[in-house]
N, C-alpha and C. Protein backbone atom coordinates (compact mmCIF):
# COMPACT_ATOMS: atom_id res chain seq x y z
N UNK A 1 -111.43 226.35 143.22
CA UNK A 1 -111.45 226.84 141.85
C UNK A 1 -110.86 225.80 140.88
N UNK A 2 -109.78 225.14 141.31
CA UNK A 2 -109.14 224.14 140.44
C UNK A 2 -110.12 223.01 140.14
N UNK A 3 -110.80 222.50 141.16
CA UNK A 3 -111.77 221.43 140.97
C UNK A 3 -112.90 221.85 140.05
N UNK A 4 -113.35 223.08 140.19
CA UNK A 4 -114.43 223.59 139.35
C UNK A 4 -114.01 223.64 137.88
N UNK A 5 -112.82 224.17 137.63
CA UNK A 5 -112.33 224.27 136.25
C UNK A 5 -112.13 222.88 135.65
N UNK A 6 -111.60 221.96 136.44
CA UNK A 6 -111.42 220.58 135.94
C UNK A 6 -112.77 219.96 135.60
N UNK A 7 -113.76 220.16 136.47
CA UNK A 7 -115.09 219.60 136.23
C UNK A 7 -115.68 220.17 134.95
N UNK A 8 -115.60 221.47 134.78
CA UNK A 8 -116.14 222.11 133.58
C UNK A 8 -115.43 221.58 132.33
N UNK A 9 -114.11 221.43 132.40
CA UNK A 9 -113.37 220.97 131.22
C UNK A 9 -113.75 219.55 130.84
N UNK A 10 -114.01 218.70 131.84
CA UNK A 10 -114.44 217.32 131.54
C UNK A 10 -115.86 217.31 131.01
N UNK A 11 -116.75 218.13 131.59
CA UNK A 11 -118.12 218.19 131.10
C UNK A 11 -118.19 218.72 129.67
N UNK A 12 -117.29 219.60 129.31
CA UNK A 12 -117.26 220.09 127.93
C UNK A 12 -117.04 218.97 126.93
N UNK A 13 -116.31 217.95 127.34
CA UNK A 13 -116.02 216.84 126.43
C UNK A 13 -117.29 216.09 126.02
N UNK A 14 -118.33 216.14 126.84
CA UNK A 14 -119.58 215.46 126.52
C UNK A 14 -120.23 216.10 125.29
N UNK A 15 -120.13 217.40 125.19
CA UNK A 15 -120.85 218.14 124.16
C UNK A 15 -120.00 218.51 122.94
N UNK A 16 -118.73 218.25 123.00
CA UNK A 16 -117.81 218.73 121.96
C UNK A 16 -117.35 217.56 121.09
N UNK A 17 -117.34 217.80 119.78
CA UNK A 17 -116.83 216.79 118.86
C UNK A 17 -115.71 217.34 117.99
N UNK A 18 -115.48 218.63 118.01
CA UNK A 18 -114.43 219.24 117.21
C UNK A 18 -113.08 219.06 117.89
N UNK A 19 -112.06 218.62 117.16
CA UNK A 19 -110.74 218.40 117.77
C UNK A 19 -110.15 219.64 118.44
N UNK A 20 -110.36 220.81 117.86
CA UNK A 20 -109.78 222.02 118.45
C UNK A 20 -110.42 222.33 119.81
N UNK A 21 -111.72 222.07 119.94
CA UNK A 21 -112.39 222.31 121.22
C UNK A 21 -112.01 221.26 122.25
N UNK A 22 -111.76 220.04 121.80
CA UNK A 22 -111.28 219.00 122.71
C UNK A 22 -109.89 219.38 123.22
N UNK A 23 -109.04 219.87 122.33
CA UNK A 23 -107.71 220.32 122.74
C UNK A 23 -107.82 221.48 123.72
N UNK A 24 -108.73 222.42 123.47
CA UNK A 24 -108.93 223.54 124.39
C UNK A 24 -109.37 223.05 125.76
N UNK A 25 -110.27 222.08 125.79
CA UNK A 25 -110.72 221.52 127.07
C UNK A 25 -109.57 220.89 127.83
N UNK A 26 -108.71 220.17 127.12
CA UNK A 26 -107.55 219.55 127.77
C UNK A 26 -106.60 220.62 128.30
N UNK A 27 -106.32 221.63 127.49
CA UNK A 27 -105.43 222.71 127.93
C UNK A 27 -106.01 223.42 129.14
N UNK A 28 -107.32 223.64 129.15
CA UNK A 28 -107.98 224.26 130.29
C UNK A 28 -107.79 223.42 131.55
N UNK A 29 -107.92 222.10 131.39
CA UNK A 29 -107.80 221.21 132.55
C UNK A 29 -106.38 221.21 133.11
N UNK A 30 -105.38 221.11 132.26
CA UNK A 30 -104.01 221.01 132.76
C UNK A 30 -103.39 222.35 133.11
N UNK A 31 -104.00 223.44 132.66
CA UNK A 31 -103.40 224.75 132.93
C UNK A 31 -103.54 225.16 134.38
N UNK A 32 -104.51 224.61 135.08
CA UNK A 32 -104.72 225.01 136.48
C UNK A 32 -104.30 223.93 137.47
N UNK A 33 -103.59 222.93 136.97
CA UNK A 33 -103.19 221.85 137.86
C UNK A 33 -102.09 222.31 138.80
N UNK A 34 -102.32 222.09 140.07
CA UNK A 34 -101.30 222.42 141.07
C UNK A 34 -100.29 221.28 141.12
N UNK A 35 -99.11 221.57 141.59
CA UNK A 35 -98.07 220.55 141.64
C UNK A 35 -97.39 220.51 143.01
N UNK A 36 -98.15 220.40 144.10
CA UNK A 36 -97.51 220.38 145.42
C UNK A 36 -96.51 219.24 145.61
N UNK A 37 -96.78 218.02 145.15
CA UNK A 37 -95.78 216.96 145.35
C UNK A 37 -94.48 217.26 144.63
N UNK A 38 -94.57 217.77 143.41
CA UNK A 38 -93.36 218.11 142.66
C UNK A 38 -92.60 219.22 143.37
N UNK A 39 -93.32 220.23 143.83
CA UNK A 39 -92.67 221.35 144.52
C UNK A 39 -91.98 220.87 145.80
N UNK A 40 -92.65 219.99 146.54
CA UNK A 40 -92.06 219.48 147.78
C UNK A 40 -90.81 218.66 147.49
N UNK A 41 -90.88 217.82 146.47
CA UNK A 41 -89.73 216.98 146.15
C UNK A 41 -88.54 217.82 145.70
N UNK A 42 -88.80 218.82 144.88
CA UNK A 42 -87.70 219.69 144.43
C UNK A 42 -87.10 220.43 145.62
N UNK A 43 -87.93 220.88 146.55
CA UNK A 43 -87.38 221.60 147.70
C UNK A 43 -86.56 220.69 148.60
N UNK A 44 -86.84 219.39 148.60
CA UNK A 44 -86.07 218.45 149.42
C UNK A 44 -84.77 218.06 148.71
N UNK A 45 -84.85 217.78 147.42
CA UNK A 45 -83.70 217.24 146.70
C UNK A 45 -82.72 218.29 146.21
N UNK A 46 -83.16 219.54 146.08
CA UNK A 46 -82.32 220.56 145.46
C UNK A 46 -82.07 221.72 146.42
N UNK A 47 -80.94 222.34 146.23
CA UNK A 47 -80.64 223.57 146.95
C UNK A 47 -81.42 224.72 146.32
N UNK A 48 -81.70 225.73 147.10
CA UNK A 48 -82.51 226.86 146.64
C UNK A 48 -81.93 227.52 145.38
N UNK A 49 -80.63 227.52 145.26
CA UNK A 49 -79.99 228.19 144.12
C UNK A 49 -80.32 227.53 142.78
N UNK A 50 -80.68 226.26 142.78
CA UNK A 50 -80.95 225.56 141.52
C UNK A 50 -82.43 225.23 141.33
N UNK A 51 -83.32 225.85 142.11
CA UNK A 51 -84.75 225.59 141.95
C UNK A 51 -85.21 225.87 140.52
N UNK A 52 -84.79 227.00 139.95
CA UNK A 52 -85.23 227.34 138.58
C UNK A 52 -84.82 226.26 137.59
N UNK A 53 -83.61 225.79 137.70
CA UNK A 53 -83.13 224.73 136.82
C UNK A 53 -83.94 223.45 137.04
N UNK A 54 -84.18 223.10 138.30
CA UNK A 54 -84.94 221.87 138.60
C UNK A 54 -86.35 221.95 138.04
N UNK A 55 -87.04 223.07 138.24
CA UNK A 55 -88.39 223.22 137.70
C UNK A 55 -88.38 223.16 136.18
N UNK A 56 -87.37 223.75 135.56
CA UNK A 56 -87.28 223.73 134.10
C UNK A 56 -87.09 222.31 133.58
N UNK A 57 -86.17 221.58 134.19
CA UNK A 57 -85.90 220.20 133.74
C UNK A 57 -87.13 219.33 133.94
N UNK A 58 -87.76 219.43 135.09
CA UNK A 58 -88.96 218.63 135.35
C UNK A 58 -90.06 219.00 134.35
N UNK A 59 -90.25 220.29 134.10
CA UNK A 59 -91.26 220.72 133.14
C UNK A 59 -91.01 220.20 131.75
N UNK A 60 -89.74 220.22 131.33
CA UNK A 60 -89.39 219.70 130.00
C UNK A 60 -89.72 218.22 129.90
N UNK A 61 -89.36 217.44 130.93
CA UNK A 61 -89.64 216.01 130.89
C UNK A 61 -91.13 215.72 130.93
N UNK A 62 -91.89 216.51 131.67
CA UNK A 62 -93.35 216.33 131.68
C UNK A 62 -93.91 216.59 130.28
N UNK A 63 -93.46 217.68 129.64
CA UNK A 63 -93.94 217.99 128.30
C UNK A 63 -93.54 216.92 127.28
N UNK A 64 -92.31 216.43 127.38
CA UNK A 64 -91.87 215.36 126.48
C UNK A 64 -92.73 214.11 126.69
N UNK A 65 -93.01 213.79 127.94
CA UNK A 65 -93.84 212.62 128.24
C UNK A 65 -95.25 212.76 127.70
N UNK A 66 -95.80 213.96 127.79
CA UNK A 66 -97.16 214.18 127.28
C UNK A 66 -97.23 214.00 125.77
N UNK A 67 -96.13 214.27 125.10
CA UNK A 67 -96.11 214.13 123.64
C UNK A 67 -95.67 212.72 123.24
N UNK A 68 -94.57 212.26 123.82
CA UNK A 68 -93.98 210.99 123.38
C UNK A 68 -94.82 209.78 123.77
N UNK A 69 -95.42 209.81 124.94
CA UNK A 69 -96.20 208.66 125.39
C UNK A 69 -97.29 208.26 124.42
N UNK A 70 -98.22 209.17 124.10
CA UNK A 70 -99.27 208.82 123.14
C UNK A 70 -98.74 208.48 121.75
N UNK A 71 -97.67 209.16 121.32
CA UNK A 71 -97.11 208.87 120.00
C UNK A 71 -96.54 207.45 119.96
N UNK A 72 -95.76 207.10 120.96
CA UNK A 72 -95.15 205.76 121.00
C UNK A 72 -96.21 204.68 121.09
N UNK A 73 -97.13 204.84 122.03
CA UNK A 73 -98.16 203.81 122.21
C UNK A 73 -99.10 203.77 121.00
N UNK A 74 -99.40 204.92 120.42
CA UNK A 74 -100.22 204.93 119.20
C UNK A 74 -99.55 204.18 118.06
N UNK A 75 -98.24 204.37 117.93
CA UNK A 75 -97.50 203.64 116.90
C UNK A 75 -97.52 202.14 117.18
N UNK A 76 -97.28 201.75 118.43
CA UNK A 76 -97.30 200.32 118.79
C UNK A 76 -98.67 199.73 118.48
N UNK A 77 -99.74 200.45 118.84
CA UNK A 77 -101.09 199.94 118.58
C UNK A 77 -101.33 199.81 117.08
N UNK A 78 -100.92 200.82 116.30
CA UNK A 78 -101.18 200.77 114.86
C UNK A 78 -100.40 199.66 114.17
N UNK A 79 -99.20 199.35 114.66
CA UNK A 79 -98.37 198.34 114.02
C UNK A 79 -98.60 196.92 114.55
N UNK A 80 -98.88 196.82 115.87
CA UNK A 80 -98.89 195.50 116.50
C UNK A 80 -100.19 195.16 117.23
N UNK A 81 -101.12 196.09 117.32
CA UNK A 81 -102.40 195.80 117.93
C UNK A 81 -102.50 196.31 119.36
N UNK A 82 -103.73 196.22 119.86
CA UNK A 82 -104.02 196.76 121.19
C UNK A 82 -103.34 195.99 122.31
N UNK A 83 -103.20 194.68 122.17
CA UNK A 83 -102.57 193.91 123.25
C UNK A 83 -101.16 194.41 123.53
N UNK A 84 -100.35 194.56 122.50
CA UNK A 84 -98.99 195.07 122.71
C UNK A 84 -99.00 196.53 123.13
N UNK A 85 -100.01 197.27 122.70
CA UNK A 85 -100.13 198.66 123.16
C UNK A 85 -100.33 198.73 124.66
N UNK A 86 -101.20 197.86 125.18
CA UNK A 86 -101.41 197.83 126.63
C UNK A 86 -100.19 197.30 127.37
N UNK A 87 -99.48 196.37 126.76
CA UNK A 87 -98.23 195.89 127.37
C UNK A 87 -97.22 197.03 127.44
N UNK A 88 -97.13 197.82 126.37
CA UNK A 88 -96.21 198.97 126.37
C UNK A 88 -96.58 199.96 127.47
N UNK A 89 -97.87 200.25 127.61
CA UNK A 89 -98.31 201.15 128.68
C UNK A 89 -97.93 200.58 130.04
N UNK A 90 -98.12 199.27 130.20
CA UNK A 90 -97.77 198.63 131.48
C UNK A 90 -96.27 198.73 131.76
N UNK A 91 -95.46 198.54 130.73
CA UNK A 91 -94.00 198.65 130.93
C UNK A 91 -93.59 200.07 131.29
N UNK A 92 -94.23 201.07 130.67
CA UNK A 92 -93.95 202.45 131.04
C UNK A 92 -94.35 202.70 132.49
N UNK A 93 -95.48 202.14 132.89
CA UNK A 93 -95.94 202.32 134.27
C UNK A 93 -94.98 201.68 135.26
N UNK A 94 -94.49 200.49 134.93
CA UNK A 94 -93.52 199.81 135.81
C UNK A 94 -92.24 200.64 135.92
N UNK A 95 -91.75 201.15 134.80
CA UNK A 95 -90.54 201.98 134.83
C UNK A 95 -90.78 203.24 135.67
N UNK A 96 -91.94 203.85 135.52
CA UNK A 96 -92.28 205.03 136.31
C UNK A 96 -92.33 204.71 137.79
N UNK A 97 -92.94 203.58 138.14
CA UNK A 97 -93.04 203.17 139.54
C UNK A 97 -91.66 202.90 140.13
N UNK A 98 -90.80 202.23 139.38
CA UNK A 98 -89.44 201.98 139.87
C UNK A 98 -88.67 203.29 140.07
N UNK A 99 -88.87 204.23 139.16
CA UNK A 99 -88.23 205.54 139.32
C UNK A 99 -88.72 206.24 140.58
N UNK A 100 -90.02 206.15 140.84
CA UNK A 100 -90.56 206.75 142.06
C UNK A 100 -90.00 206.09 143.31
N UNK A 101 -89.82 204.78 143.27
CA UNK A 101 -89.23 204.10 144.43
C UNK A 101 -87.80 204.55 144.68
N UNK A 102 -87.03 204.69 143.61
CA UNK A 102 -85.66 205.19 143.76
C UNK A 102 -85.68 206.60 144.35
N UNK A 103 -86.56 207.46 143.84
CA UNK A 103 -86.66 208.81 144.38
C UNK A 103 -87.09 208.81 145.84
N UNK A 104 -87.99 207.91 146.18
CA UNK A 104 -88.46 207.85 147.57
C UNK A 104 -87.30 207.52 148.51
N UNK A 105 -86.54 206.51 148.17
CA UNK A 105 -85.44 206.11 149.06
C UNK A 105 -84.32 207.14 149.05
N UNK A 106 -84.08 207.77 147.92
CA UNK A 106 -83.09 208.85 147.86
C UNK A 106 -83.53 210.02 148.73
N UNK A 107 -84.81 210.36 148.64
CA UNK A 107 -85.34 211.45 149.45
C UNK A 107 -85.25 211.13 150.93
N UNK A 108 -85.56 209.89 151.31
CA UNK A 108 -85.46 209.50 152.72
C UNK A 108 -84.03 209.61 153.22
N UNK A 109 -83.06 209.20 152.41
CA UNK A 109 -81.65 209.32 152.81
C UNK A 109 -81.26 210.78 152.99
N UNK A 110 -81.71 211.61 152.08
CA UNK A 110 -81.38 213.04 152.17
C UNK A 110 -82.02 213.65 153.42
N UNK A 111 -83.27 213.30 153.68
CA UNK A 111 -83.94 213.83 154.86
C UNK A 111 -83.24 213.40 156.14
N UNK A 112 -82.84 212.13 156.21
CA UNK A 112 -82.14 211.64 157.41
C UNK A 112 -80.80 212.34 157.58
N UNK A 113 -80.09 212.56 156.49
CA UNK A 113 -78.79 213.22 156.61
C UNK A 113 -78.94 214.69 157.00
N UNK A 114 -80.02 215.33 156.59
CA UNK A 114 -80.24 216.73 156.96
C UNK A 114 -80.62 216.87 158.43
N UNK A 115 -81.32 215.88 158.97
CA UNK A 115 -81.75 215.94 160.37
C UNK A 115 -80.56 215.86 161.31
N UNK A 116 -79.58 215.07 160.96
CA UNK A 116 -78.48 214.82 161.89
C UNK A 116 -77.23 215.62 161.57
N UNK A 117 -77.27 216.43 160.54
CA UNK A 117 -76.06 217.20 160.22
C UNK A 117 -76.13 218.60 160.78
């Protein structure tokens, strides 16, 4: 069902030119997105008592990223051109990748300590 809804939402973009319908298509696509990796990571890194807090914090940061990313890069592109815009996107990607590496090694340490404790 998720794949079907995503496909329909992308196909709608071919026929739609109104901004409100494009926004609806995007909302339709992201509203059914599953988050198994996020759920698994939260269950590894957090105790059950703080799951609600962890999901809330992660959700807030995802929402901030969805808003701030395009705003920041749009500003960079409008002021300094596409080349610096792509450099900014690349720097965000590098920071994201480094964060994932830190999380990976932190998760591995936690998993190893749980196995032997």
